């Protein structure tokens, strides 16, 4: 049987400008590897003396986790430093809207994940032999919607 695997090349990570009534999203420059979301459903133990002898749980809160990504750092407006940059968003504790856009062919109607997040990590790397880069972490807050 032939594989149905799809290439992830061309995935975009976009940042919103907070505009109202219509927000504009700009592609973050030179994003490399992207990881996340780490969806998890928390549960609460509700085992009681009337239980059947088996532990019982109920679902409570859904967590979207983090989105991590690496960039070839060039310090443009989408990366940092300066007003509205990822670095300044972290320093200013700014919640921002993001979109993760999967490449064509992944799903005709569900290829864009929209979410709000805080930048919680920004780590520059400047190896002697290598590319100036940065590793970033977004802490998702609230729900993730797919459209």
Protein backbone atom coordinates (compact mmCIF):
# COMPACT_ATOMS: atom_id res chain seq x y z
CA UNK A 1 0.00 0.00 0.00
CA UNK A 2 1.33 3.46 -0.93
CA UNK A 3 1.94 5.97 1.83
CA UNK A 4 -0.35 8.91 2.44
CA UNK A 5 2.41 10.94 4.10
CA UNK A 6 2.52 14.65 3.36
CA UNK A 7 5.45 17.03 3.33
CA UNK A 8 5.41 19.69 6.04
CA UNK A 9 7.51 22.01 3.89
CA UNK A 10 5.73 25.31 3.42
CA UNK A 11 4.08 25.44 6.85
CA UNK A 12 3.72 29.07 7.98
CA UNK A 13 3.63 30.61 11.43
CA UNK A 14 1.93 34.02 11.43
CA UNK A 15 1.62 36.74 14.07
CA UNK A 16 -1.33 39.11 14.37
CA UNK A 17 -1.12 42.88 14.72
CA UNK A 18 -4.07 43.16 17.13
CA UNK A 19 -6.00 45.28 14.65
CA UNK A 20 -9.72 45.84 15.03
CA UNK A 21 -12.16 45.15 13.50
CA UNK A 22 -9.95 43.14 11.14
CA UNK A 23 -6.65 41.73 12.36
CA UNK A 24 -3.80 41.36 9.88
CA UNK A 25 -1.43 38.39 10.16
CA UNK A 26 2.18 38.56 8.98
CA UNK A 27 4.36 35.49 8.37
CA UNK A 28 7.22 35.27 10.87
CA UNK A 29 10.42 35.39 8.83
CA UNK A 30 12.61 32.34 8.25
CA UNK A 31 10.90 29.86 10.57
CA UNK A 32 12.61 26.48 10.54
CA UNK A 33 11.33 23.57 12.65
CA UNK A 34 7.98 23.92 14.44
CA UNK A 35 6.74 21.65 17.26
CA UNK A 36 3.42 21.73 19.08
CA UNK A 37 0.65 21.77 20.06
CA UNK A 38 0.80 19.39 23.03
CA UNK A 39 -2.92 18.87 23.61
CA UNK A 40 -3.85 17.23 26.90
CA UNK A 41 -7.11 16.66 28.75
CA UNK A 42 -6.81 16.90 32.53
CA UNK A 43 -8.95 14.61 34.65
CA UNK A 44 -10.02 14.56 38.27
CA UNK A 45 -10.22 11.43 40.39
CA UNK A 46 -13.82 11.03 41.61
CA UNK A 47 -13.49 7.54 43.08
CA UNK A 48 -15.78 7.15 46.08
CA UNK A 49 -17.12 4.48 48.42
CA UNK A 50 -19.98 3.76 45.99
CA UNK A 51 -17.56 3.10 43.10
CA UNK A 52 -17.30 -0.40 41.67
CA UNK A 53 -13.78 -0.95 42.99
CA UNK A 54 -12.25 0.68 39.95
CA UNK A 55 -10.81 4.20 40.01
CA UNK A 56 -13.13 6.70 38.30
CA UNK A 57 -12.20 9.96 36.56
CA UNK A 58 -14.04 12.88 34.98
CA UNK A 59 -12.59 15.24 32.37
CA UNK A 60 -11.88 18.83 33.45
CA UNK A 61 -9.67 21.26 31.50
CA UNK A 62 -8.07 20.95 28.05
CA UNK A 63 -4.54 22.31 27.71
CA UNK A 64 -3.04 23.22 24.32
CA UNK A 65 0.51 23.35 25.67
CA UNK A 66 3.31 25.10 23.86
CA UNK A 67 4.41 25.78 20.32
CA UNK A 68 8.18 25.87 19.87
CA UNK A 69 10.06 26.93 16.77
CA UNK A 70 13.49 27.90 15.51
CA UNK A 71 14.29 30.83 13.24
CA UNK A 72 17.23 32.01 11.20
CA UNK A 73 17.58 35.23 13.17
CA UNK A 74 17.86 38.41 11.17
CA UNK A 75 16.18 40.78 13.61
CA UNK A 76 13.37 41.94 11.34
CA UNK A 77 10.08 43.34 12.68
CA UNK A 78 8.48 39.90 13.14
CA UNK A 79 11.42 38.44 15.05
CA UNK A 80 12.91 41.00 17.44
CA UNK A 81 14.01 43.56 18.57
CA UNK A 82 11.65 46.52 18.36
CA UNK A 83 8.03 47.39 18.85
CA UNK A 84 5.72 44.46 18.05
CA UNK A 85 8.57 41.95 17.81
CA UNK A 86 8.54 38.54 19.47
CA UNK A 87 11.25 39.61 21.92
CA UNK A 88 9.39 42.78 22.93
CA UNK A 89 6.15 40.80 23.29
CA UNK A 90 7.93 38.59 25.82
CA UNK A 91 9.43 41.50 27.76
CA UNK A 92 6.12 43.39 27.73
CA UNK A 93 4.10 40.24 28.58
CA UNK A 94 1.89 40.83 25.53
CA UNK A 95 -0.69 38.24 24.55
CA UNK A 96 -0.76 37.99 20.77
CA UNK A 97 -2.86 36.08 18.22
CA UNK A 98 -1.09 33.59 15.99
CA UNK A 99 -1.94 31.32 13.07
CA UNK A 100 -0.27 28.06 12.13
CA UNK A 101 -1.00 27.41 8.45
CA UNK A 102 -0.35 23.88 7.20
CA UNK A 103 0.74 23.38 3.58
CA UNK A 104 -1.77 22.78 0.80
CA UNK A 105 -3.17 19.28 0.64
CA UNK A 106 -3.34 18.65 4.39
CA UNK A 107 -7.04 19.42 4.62
CA UNK A 108 -9.25 21.43 2.33
CA UNK A 109 -11.15 23.12 5.15
CA UNK A 110 -9.08 22.64 8.31
CA UNK A 111 -5.56 23.76 7.50
CA UNK A 112 -5.22 26.83 9.75
CA UNK A 113 -4.96 26.76 13.54
CA UNK A 114 -5.74 30.08 15.24
CA UNK A 115 -4.67 30.67 18.84
CA UNK A 116 -3.56 33.26 21.38
CA UNK A 117 -0.21 32.91 23.12
CA UNK A 118 2.50 34.56 25.16
CA UNK A 119 6.15 34.41 24.11
CA UNK A 120 7.74 32.64 27.08
CA UNK A 121 11.14 31.78 25.64
CA UNK A 122 13.61 33.54 23.33
CA UNK A 123 17.07 31.98 23.12
CA UNK A 124 19.67 33.32 20.69
CA UNK A 125 22.39 31.05 19.35
CA UNK A 126 25.58 32.33 17.67
CA UNK A 127 27.92 29.40 16.98
CA UNK A 128 31.42 30.07 15.65
CA UNK A 129 30.62 27.95 12.63
CA UNK A 130 26.97 28.26 11.92
CA UNK A 131 23.91 30.39 11.52
CA UNK A 132 22.71 33.09 13.88
CA UNK A 133 19.44 31.64 15.11
CA UNK A 134 16.89 31.78 17.89
CA UNK A 135 14.68 29.20 19.59
CA UNK A 136 11.27 30.50 20.66
CA UNK A 137 8.50 29.18 22.86
CA UNK A 138 4.86 30.24 22.72
CA UNK A 139 2.61 29.33 25.66
CA UNK A 140 -0.87 28.87 24.21
CA UNK A 141 -3.64 30.42 26.27
CA UNK A 142 -7.25 29.50 25.62
CA UNK A 143 -8.62 27.40 22.80
CA UNK A 144 -7.19 26.49 19.41
CA UNK A 145 -9.61 26.73 16.50
CA UNK A 146 -9.14 25.04 13.15
CA UNK A 147 -10.59 26.49 9.94
